[in-house]
N, C-alpha and C. Protein backbone atom coordinates (compact mmCIF):
# COMPACT_ATOMS: atom_id res chain seq x y z
N UNK A 1 17.76 -57.39 45.88
CA UNK A 1 17.28 -56.85 44.60
C UNK A 1 17.22 -57.97 43.51
N UNK A 2 18.25 -58.79 43.46
CA UNK A 2 18.24 -59.88 42.47
C UNK A 2 17.08 -60.86 42.71
N UNK A 3 16.81 -61.15 43.99
CA UNK A 3 15.75 -62.07 44.29
C UNK A 3 14.38 -61.47 43.94
N UNK A 4 14.26 -60.18 44.13
CA UNK A 4 13.00 -59.49 43.72
C UNK A 4 12.78 -59.58 42.22
N UNK A 5 13.85 -59.41 41.42
CA UNK A 5 13.78 -59.49 39.97
C UNK A 5 13.40 -60.92 39.56
N UNK A 6 14.03 -61.92 40.19
CA UNK A 6 13.70 -63.31 39.88
C UNK A 6 12.22 -63.60 40.16
N UNK A 7 11.76 -63.16 41.31
CA UNK A 7 10.35 -63.36 41.65
C UNK A 7 9.42 -62.63 40.72
N UNK A 8 9.78 -61.41 40.36
CA UNK A 8 8.92 -60.67 39.41
C UNK A 8 8.84 -61.31 38.02
N UNK A 9 9.97 -61.90 37.61
CA UNK A 9 9.91 -62.66 36.35
C UNK A 9 8.94 -63.84 36.42
N UNK A 10 8.97 -64.51 37.59
CA UNK A 10 8.02 -65.63 37.82
C UNK A 10 6.63 -65.15 37.77
N UNK A 11 6.31 -64.03 38.43
CA UNK A 11 4.97 -63.47 38.42
C UNK A 11 4.54 -63.10 37.01
N UNK A 12 5.43 -62.46 36.31
CA UNK A 12 5.13 -62.07 34.90
C UNK A 12 4.86 -63.30 34.04
N UNK A 13 5.62 -64.33 34.22
CA UNK A 13 5.36 -65.57 33.43
C UNK A 13 3.94 -66.14 33.72
N UNK A 14 3.56 -66.23 34.97
CA UNK A 14 2.29 -66.74 35.35
C UNK A 14 1.13 -65.84 34.79
N UNK A 15 1.33 -64.54 34.93
CA UNK A 15 0.29 -63.63 34.47
C UNK A 15 0.17 -63.65 32.94
N UNK A 16 1.27 -63.78 32.22
CA UNK A 16 1.21 -63.78 30.76
C UNK A 16 0.49 -65.02 30.27
N UNK A 17 0.77 -66.19 30.85
CA UNK A 17 0.08 -67.37 30.35
C UNK A 17 -1.40 -67.36 30.75
N UNK A 18 -1.72 -66.79 31.91
CA UNK A 18 -3.11 -66.67 32.33
C UNK A 18 -3.85 -65.73 31.34
N UNK A 19 -3.22 -64.63 30.99
CA UNK A 19 -3.82 -63.70 30.04
C UNK A 19 -3.99 -64.40 28.69
N UNK A 20 -3.00 -65.21 28.25
CA UNK A 20 -3.06 -65.90 27.00
C UNK A 20 -4.26 -66.85 26.97
N UNK A 21 -4.54 -67.50 28.07
CA UNK A 21 -5.71 -68.37 28.17
C UNK A 21 -6.98 -67.53 28.02
N UNK A 22 -7.02 -66.42 28.68
CA UNK A 22 -8.23 -65.58 28.66
C UNK A 22 -8.56 -65.05 27.29
N UNK A 23 -7.52 -64.85 26.46
CA UNK A 23 -7.78 -64.33 25.09
C UNK A 23 -7.71 -65.47 24.08
N UNK A 24 -7.84 -66.70 24.51
CA UNK A 24 -7.88 -67.91 23.67
C UNK A 24 -6.63 -68.09 22.83
N UNK A 25 -5.48 -67.74 23.38
CA UNK A 25 -4.19 -67.95 22.69
C UNK A 25 -3.42 -69.18 23.24
N UNK A 26 -3.93 -69.76 24.27
CA UNK A 26 -3.30 -70.88 24.91
C UNK A 26 -4.31 -71.83 25.53
N UNK A 27 -4.02 -73.12 25.36
CA UNK A 27 -4.87 -74.16 25.95
C UNK A 27 -4.34 -74.52 27.36
N UNK A 28 -5.24 -74.51 28.33
CA UNK A 28 -4.82 -74.82 29.68
C UNK A 28 -4.32 -76.26 29.86
N UNK A 29 -4.66 -77.11 28.90
CA UNK A 29 -4.20 -78.51 28.98
C UNK A 29 -2.92 -78.75 28.20
N UNK A 30 -2.31 -77.68 27.74
CA UNK A 30 -1.06 -77.84 26.94
C UNK A 30 0.16 -77.98 27.86
N UNK A 31 1.19 -78.61 27.33
CA UNK A 31 2.47 -78.71 28.01
C UNK A 31 3.03 -77.32 28.35
N UNK A 32 2.97 -76.47 27.39
CA UNK A 32 3.51 -75.10 27.59
C UNK A 32 2.85 -74.35 28.74
N UNK A 33 1.58 -74.41 28.83
CA UNK A 33 0.83 -73.75 29.94
C UNK A 33 1.31 -74.24 31.28
N UNK A 34 1.34 -75.49 31.48
CA UNK A 34 1.75 -76.09 32.77
C UNK A 34 3.24 -75.84 32.99
N UNK A 35 4.04 -75.92 32.04
CA UNK A 35 5.51 -75.75 32.19
C UNK A 35 5.82 -74.32 32.60
N UNK A 36 5.18 -73.36 31.97
CA UNK A 36 5.44 -71.92 32.27
C UNK A 36 4.96 -71.64 33.70
N UNK A 37 3.81 -72.19 34.07
CA UNK A 37 3.33 -72.01 35.43
C UNK A 37 4.26 -72.63 36.47
N UNK A 38 4.76 -73.78 36.18
CA UNK A 38 5.70 -74.45 37.08
C UNK A 38 7.00 -73.63 37.23
N UNK A 39 7.55 -73.18 36.13
CA UNK A 39 8.77 -72.40 36.18
C UNK A 39 8.47 -71.05 36.92
N UNK A 40 7.37 -70.40 36.63
CA UNK A 40 7.02 -69.21 37.32
C UNK A 40 6.93 -69.42 38.85
N UNK A 41 6.29 -70.52 39.27
CA UNK A 41 6.20 -70.80 40.70
C UNK A 41 7.57 -71.02 41.32
N UNK A 42 8.46 -71.73 40.62
CA UNK A 42 9.80 -71.97 41.12
C UNK A 42 10.55 -70.65 41.31
N UNK A 43 10.42 -69.74 40.32
CA UNK A 43 11.11 -68.47 40.43
C UNK A 43 10.56 -67.64 41.62
N UNK A 44 9.29 -67.73 41.81
CA UNK A 44 8.72 -66.99 43.00
C UNK A 44 9.23 -67.67 44.28
N UNK A 45 9.33 -68.97 44.32
CA UNK A 45 9.86 -69.65 45.50
C UNK A 45 11.30 -69.24 45.72
N UNK A 46 12.11 -69.12 44.68
CA UNK A 46 13.45 -68.67 44.81
C UNK A 46 13.51 -67.28 45.43
N UNK A 47 12.62 -66.41 45.02
CA UNK A 47 12.60 -65.06 45.57
C UNK A 47 12.26 -65.08 47.05
N UNK A 48 11.49 -66.08 47.48
CA UNK A 48 11.14 -66.21 48.90
C UNK A 48 12.30 -66.64 49.77
N UNK A 49 13.39 -67.07 49.20
CA UNK A 49 14.59 -67.45 49.97
C UNK A 49 15.15 -66.24 50.66
N UNK A 50 15.00 -65.05 50.04
CA UNK A 50 15.56 -63.81 50.60
C UNK A 50 14.56 -63.22 51.63
N UNK A 51 13.31 -63.14 51.27
CA UNK A 51 12.31 -62.59 52.16
C UNK A 51 11.17 -63.61 52.27
N UNK A 52 11.23 -64.47 53.30
CA UNK A 52 10.26 -65.53 53.42
C UNK A 52 8.91 -64.99 53.85
N UNK A 53 7.87 -65.54 53.26
CA UNK A 53 6.49 -65.24 53.59
C UNK A 53 5.72 -66.55 53.54
N UNK A 54 5.21 -67.01 54.65
CA UNK A 54 4.58 -68.36 54.73
C UNK A 54 3.41 -68.47 53.78
N UNK A 55 2.56 -67.48 53.74
CA UNK A 55 1.39 -67.59 52.84
C UNK A 55 1.82 -67.67 51.38
N UNK A 56 2.76 -66.90 50.98
CA UNK A 56 3.25 -66.94 49.57
C UNK A 56 3.95 -68.30 49.31
N UNK A 57 4.69 -68.82 50.32
CA UNK A 57 5.32 -70.11 50.14
C UNK A 57 4.30 -71.18 49.90
N UNK A 58 3.24 -71.22 50.74
CA UNK A 58 2.21 -72.26 50.65
C UNK A 58 1.51 -72.19 49.28
N UNK A 59 1.15 -71.00 48.84
CA UNK A 59 0.41 -70.93 47.55
C UNK A 59 1.34 -71.28 46.40
N UNK A 60 2.59 -70.97 46.45
CA UNK A 60 3.51 -71.31 45.36
C UNK A 60 3.82 -72.79 45.37
N UNK A 61 3.93 -73.42 46.52
CA UNK A 61 4.09 -74.89 46.54
C UNK A 61 2.85 -75.57 45.89
N UNK A 62 1.69 -75.10 46.27
CA UNK A 62 0.45 -75.63 45.70
C UNK A 62 0.42 -75.40 44.20
N UNK A 63 0.80 -74.16 43.73
CA UNK A 63 0.80 -73.81 42.33
C UNK A 63 1.76 -74.70 41.59
N UNK A 64 2.96 -74.98 42.16
CA UNK A 64 3.92 -75.83 41.55
C UNK A 64 3.44 -77.29 41.46
N UNK A 65 2.83 -77.77 42.52
CA UNK A 65 2.34 -79.16 42.53
C UNK A 65 1.23 -79.34 41.48
N UNK A 66 0.32 -78.41 41.45
CA UNK A 66 -0.81 -78.50 40.44
C UNK A 66 -0.25 -78.39 39.04
N UNK A 67 0.71 -77.48 38.84
CA UNK A 67 1.31 -77.35 37.49
C UNK A 67 2.06 -78.57 37.08
N UNK A 68 2.78 -79.21 37.99
CA UNK A 68 3.52 -80.45 37.65
C UNK A 68 2.52 -81.59 37.32
N UNK A 69 1.44 -81.63 38.06
CA UNK A 69 0.38 -82.60 37.77
C UNK A 69 -0.19 -82.36 36.36
N UNK A 70 -0.47 -81.08 36.01
CA UNK A 70 -0.95 -80.75 34.69
C UNK A 70 0.06 -81.05 33.61
N UNK A 71 1.35 -80.78 33.90
CA UNK A 71 2.40 -81.06 32.95
C UNK A 71 2.52 -82.57 32.67
N UNK A 72 2.48 -83.35 33.77
CA UNK A 72 2.50 -84.80 33.59
C UNK A 72 1.35 -85.28 32.73
N UNK A 73 0.16 -84.81 32.98
CA UNK A 73 -1.03 -85.22 32.20
C UNK A 73 -0.88 -84.75 30.77
N UNK A 74 -0.44 -83.56 30.55
CA UNK A 74 -0.29 -83.09 29.13
C UNK A 74 0.76 -83.91 28.40
N UNK A 75 1.85 -84.25 29.04
CA UNK A 75 2.84 -85.05 28.38
C UNK A 75 2.32 -86.45 28.09
N UNK A 76 1.54 -86.99 29.00
CA UNK A 76 0.93 -88.29 28.78
C UNK A 76 -0.03 -88.31 27.64
N UNK A 77 -0.75 -87.23 27.47
CA UNK A 77 -1.70 -87.05 26.33
C UNK A 77 -1.02 -86.74 25.06
N UNK A 78 0.24 -86.24 25.17
CA UNK A 78 0.97 -85.88 23.97
C UNK A 78 0.63 -84.50 23.41
N UNK A 79 0.19 -83.61 24.24
CA UNK A 79 -0.24 -82.26 23.81
C UNK A 79 0.94 -81.35 23.96
């Protein structure tokens, strides 16, 4: 149950920032956008420790890697 809650928090974080982008409340090149996506992906990965699913694991690793790349670029730009 705890791992499900952790994973759902991660999903909620990713969905909220995606919605914020769609309503022009957040810039996809911002530090905050990439950081929230990275944390969300990590929380979903934590939830997969209890109930592993290979497809979910692969997409979350990719999501985390892309988010970290975006975070690095945003920090380099100073946004």
